[in-house]
Amino acid sequence: MKRILVKSARAITRRRALHGGAAAVFGTFAAATVGKSASAVAVASCTAPFGGGRCPNCSGSRCYSGGGFSCNPVTGYCPTGTACWSKGGRTCCDCLCIYSGATAIYCYCYG
């Protein structure tokens, strides 16, 4: 039983290491595709509540409604307690977008 647990723990650790390496490689290729260095993309990145991505409708760091989405700034999830904060020389803002009155997503805009 002990050998099975040790073997499983090693397998999980290897998968995590491979996943992290794959994410780094993907990030580098994605940055190269848009013509930026990987470090520039990392500095400019923002995060949304609950792991959400970039909002569908952004004008700089502000979100807006359109295309079936109703978007508004959301407070209480960023370091300042407001909807917006600064990171890497950019302004990041958290938003809540609701698609067609049903599906809600947390997202961010930056500028």
C-alpha atoms as a PDB file:
ATOM      1  CA  MET A   1       0.000   0.000   0.000  1.00  0.00           C
ATOM      2  CA  LYS A   2       2.830   2.367   0.874  1.00  0.00           C
ATOM      3  CA  ARG A   3       4.473   1.807  -2.544  1.00  0.00           C
ATOM      4  CA  ILE A   4       1.209   2.635  -4.316  1.00  0.00           C
ATOM      5  CA  LEU A   5       0.867   5.901  -2.383  1.00  0.00           C
ATOM      6  CA  VAL A   6       4.480   6.908  -3.083  1.00  0.00           C
ATOM      7  CA  LYS A   7       4.129   6.053  -6.783  1.00  0.00           C
ATOM      8  CA  SER A   8       0.863   8.043  -7.027  1.00  0.00           C
ATOM      9  CA  ALA A   9       2.427  11.052  -5.291  1.00  0.00           C
ATOM     10  CA  ARG A  10       5.357  11.033  -7.744  1.00  0.00           C
ATOM     11  CA  ALA A  11       3.009  10.802 -10.723  1.00  0.00           C
ATOM     12  CA  ILE A  12       0.956  13.759  -9.471  1.00  0.00           C
ATOM     13  CA  THR A  13       4.111  15.816  -8.897  1.00  0.00           C
ATOM     14  CA  ARG A  14       5.353  15.041 -12.436  1.00  0.00           C
ATOM     15  CA  ARG A  15       2.011  16.062 -13.934  1.00  0.00           C
ATOM     16  CA  ARG A  16       2.092  19.379 -12.059  1.00  0.00           C
ATOM     17  CA  ALA A  17       5.647  20.038 -13.227  1.00  0.00           C
ATOM     18  CA  LEU A  18       4.753  19.203 -16.832  1.00  0.00           C
ATOM     19  CA  HIS A  19       1.628  21.378 -16.669  1.00  0.00           C
ATOM     20  CA  GLY A  20       3.641  24.336 -15.369  1.00  0.00           C
ATOM     21  CA  GLY A  21       6.268  23.869 -18.078  1.00  0.00           C
ATOM     22  CA  ALA A  22       3.622  23.627 -20.778  1.00  0.00           C
ATOM     23  CA  ALA A  23       1.976  26.817 -19.550  1.00  0.00           C
ATOM     24  CA  ALA A  24       5.297  28.678 -19.667  1.00  0.00           C
ATOM     25  CA  VAL A  25       6.024  27.460 -23.201  1.00  0.00           C
ATOM     26  CA  PHE A  26       2.517  28.377 -24.375  1.00  0.00           C
ATOM     27  CA  GLY A  27       2.836  31.836 -22.837  1.00  0.00           C
ATOM     28  CA  THR A  28       6.135  32.436 -24.603  1.00  0.00           C
ATOM     29  CA  PHE A  29       4.721  31.374 -27.981  1.00  0.00           C
ATOM     30  CA  ALA A  30       1.581  33.451 -27.453  1.00  0.00           C
ATOM     31  CA  ALA A  31       3.692  36.511 -26.613  1.00  0.00           C
ATOM     32  CA  ALA A  32       5.834  35.969 -29.712  1.00  0.00           C
ATOM     33  CA  THR A  33       2.707  35.708 -31.855  1.00  0.00           C
ATOM     34  CA  VAL A  34       1.535  39.186 -30.831  1.00  0.00           C
ATOM     35  CA  GLY A  35       5.062  40.594 -31.077  1.00  0.00           C
ATOM     36  CA  LYS A  36       5.782  41.112 -27.376  1.00  0.00           C
ATOM     37  CA  SER A  37       8.327  39.619 -25.059  1.00  0.00           C
ATOM     38  CA  ALA A  38       7.077  37.102 -22.510  1.00  0.00           C
ATOM     39  CA  SER A  39       8.113  39.419 -19.667  1.00  0.00           C
ATOM     40  CA  ALA A  40       6.078  42.307 -21.124  1.00  0.00           C
ATOM     41  CA  VAL A  41       2.986  40.131 -21.290  1.00  0.00           C
ATOM     42  CA  ALA A  42       3.496  38.899 -17.719  1.00  0.00           C
ATOM     43  CA  VAL A  43       3.864  42.442 -16.339  1.00  0.00           C
ATOM     44  CA  ALA A  44       0.759  43.690 -18.134  1.00  0.00           C
ATOM     45  CA  SER A  45      -1.443  40.777 -17.119  1.00  0.00           C
ATOM     46  CA  CYS A  46      -4.362  41.303 -14.776  1.00  0.00           C
ATOM     47  CA  THR A  47      -6.487  38.775 -12.964  1.00  0.00           C
ATOM     48  CA  ALA A  48     -10.238  38.584 -12.560  1.00  0.00           C
ATOM     49  CA  PRO A  49     -12.219  37.231  -9.616  1.00  0.00           C
ATOM     50  CA  PHE A  50     -12.516  33.439  -9.577  1.00  0.00           C
ATOM     51  CA  GLY A  51      -9.928  33.042 -12.364  1.00  0.00           C
ATOM     52  CA  GLY A  52     -11.921  34.842 -15.076  1.00  0.00           C
ATOM     53  CA  GLY A  53     -10.256  36.152 -18.223  1.00  0.00           C
ATOM     54  CA  ARG A  54     -10.412  39.361 -20.227  1.00  0.00           C
ATOM     55  CA  CYS A  55     -13.874  40.894 -20.699  1.00  0.00           C
ATOM     56  CA  PRO A  56     -15.592  40.655 -24.074  1.00  0.00           C
ATOM     57  CA  ASN A  57     -16.149  44.442 -24.239  1.00  0.00           C
ATOM     58  CA  CYS A  58     -13.360  46.739 -23.055  1.00  0.00           C
ATOM     59  CA  SER A  59     -12.433  50.333 -23.740  1.00  0.00           C
ATOM     60  CA  GLY A  60      -9.056  50.623 -22.101  1.00  0.00           C
ATOM     61  CA  SER A  61      -9.517  49.595 -18.482  1.00  0.00           C
ATOM     62  CA  ARG A  62     -13.295  50.074 -18.524  1.00  0.00           C
ATOM     63  CA  CYS A  63     -15.872  47.433 -19.459  1.00  0.00           C
ATOM     64  CA  TYR A  64     -19.047  48.267 -21.333  1.00  0.00           C
ATOM     65  CA  SER A  65     -22.240  46.513 -22.418  1.00  0.00           C
ATOM     66  CA  GLY A  66     -22.770  45.247 -25.955  1.00  0.00           C
ATOM     67  CA  GLY A  67     -23.093  42.140 -28.090  1.00  0.00           C
ATOM     68  CA  GLY A  68     -25.555  40.524 -25.706  1.00  0.00           C
ATOM     69  CA  PHE A  69     -23.362  41.268 -22.651  1.00  0.00           C
ATOM     70  CA  SER A  70     -24.394  43.577 -19.832  1.00  0.00           C
ATOM     71  CA  CYS A  71     -21.122  44.537 -18.104  1.00  0.00           C
ATOM     72  CA  ASN A  72     -20.478  46.626 -14.993  1.00  0.00           C
ATOM     73  CA  PRO A  73     -17.500  47.197 -12.698  1.00  0.00           C
ATOM     74  CA  VAL A  74     -17.495  44.978  -9.623  1.00  0.00           C
ATOM     75  CA  THR A  75     -15.855  45.976  -6.321  1.00  0.00           C
ATOM     76  CA  GLY A  76     -14.341  44.061  -3.445  1.00  0.00           C
ATOM     77  CA  TYR A  77     -12.101  41.601  -5.293  1.00  0.00           C
ATOM     78  CA  CYS A  78      -8.954  43.599  -6.043  1.00  0.00           C
ATOM     79  CA  PRO A  79      -6.203  44.680  -3.630  1.00  0.00           C
ATOM     80  CA  THR A  80      -7.608  48.211  -3.192  1.00  0.00           C
ATOM     81  CA  GLY A  81     -11.175  47.061  -2.485  1.00  0.00           C
ATOM     82  CA  THR A  82     -12.446  49.109  -5.432  1.00  0.00           C
ATOM     83  CA  ALA A  83     -13.013  47.899  -9.010  1.00  0.00           C
ATOM     84  CA  CYS A  84      -9.617  49.122 -10.312  1.00  0.00           C
ATOM     85  CA  TRP A  85      -5.957  48.936  -9.346  1.00  0.00           C
ATOM     86  CA  SER A  86      -2.547  49.444 -10.951  1.00  0.00           C
ATOM     87  CA  LYS A  87      -0.212  46.660 -11.992  1.00  0.00           C
ATOM     88  CA  GLY A  88       2.936  46.919 -14.086  1.00  0.00           C
ATOM     89  CA  GLY A  89       2.180  50.494 -15.124  1.00  0.00           C
ATOM     90  CA  ARG A  90      -1.337  49.610 -16.311  1.00  0.00           C
ATOM     91  CA  THR A  91      -4.764  50.009 -14.774  1.00  0.00           C
ATOM     92  CA  CYS A  92      -6.736  46.798 -14.271  1.00  0.00           C
ATOM     93  CA  CYS A  93     -10.481  46.791 -13.528  1.00  0.00           C
ATOM     94  CA  ASP A  94     -12.705  43.896 -12.451  1.00  0.00           C
ATOM     95  CA  CYS A  95     -16.115  43.535 -14.078  1.00  0.00           C
ATOM     96  CA  LEU A  96     -19.148  41.307 -13.959  1.00  0.00           C
ATOM     97  CA  CYS A  97     -20.658  40.585 -17.380  1.00  0.00           C
ATOM     98  CA  ILE A  98     -24.003  38.866 -17.781  1.00  0.00           C
ATOM     99  CA  TYR A  99     -24.744  37.311 -21.161  1.00  0.00           C
ATOM    100  CA  SER A 100     -28.365  37.465 -22.337  1.00  0.00           C
ATOM    101  CA  GLY A 101     -29.569  37.877 -18.765  1.00  0.00           C
ATOM    102  CA  ALA A 102     -28.492  34.392 -17.712  1.00  0.00           C
ATOM    103  CA  THR A 103     -24.794  33.490 -17.751  1.00  0.00           C
ATOM    104  CA  ALA A 104     -22.577  35.598 -15.473  1.00  0.00           C
ATOM    105  CA  ILE A 105     -18.790  35.833 -15.850  1.00  0.00           C
ATOM    106  CA  TYR A 106     -16.219  37.731 -13.850  1.00  0.00           C
ATOM    107  CA  CYS A 107     -13.599  39.329 -16.070  1.00  0.00           C
ATOM    108  CA  TYR A 108     -11.113  42.207 -16.310  1.00  0.00           C
ATOM    109  CA  CYS A 109     -10.213  45.065 -18.608  1.00  0.00           C
ATOM    110  CA  TYR A 110      -6.868  46.866 -18.646  1.00  0.00           C
ATOM    111  CA  GLY A 111      -5.364  49.890 -20.237  1.00  0.00           C
END
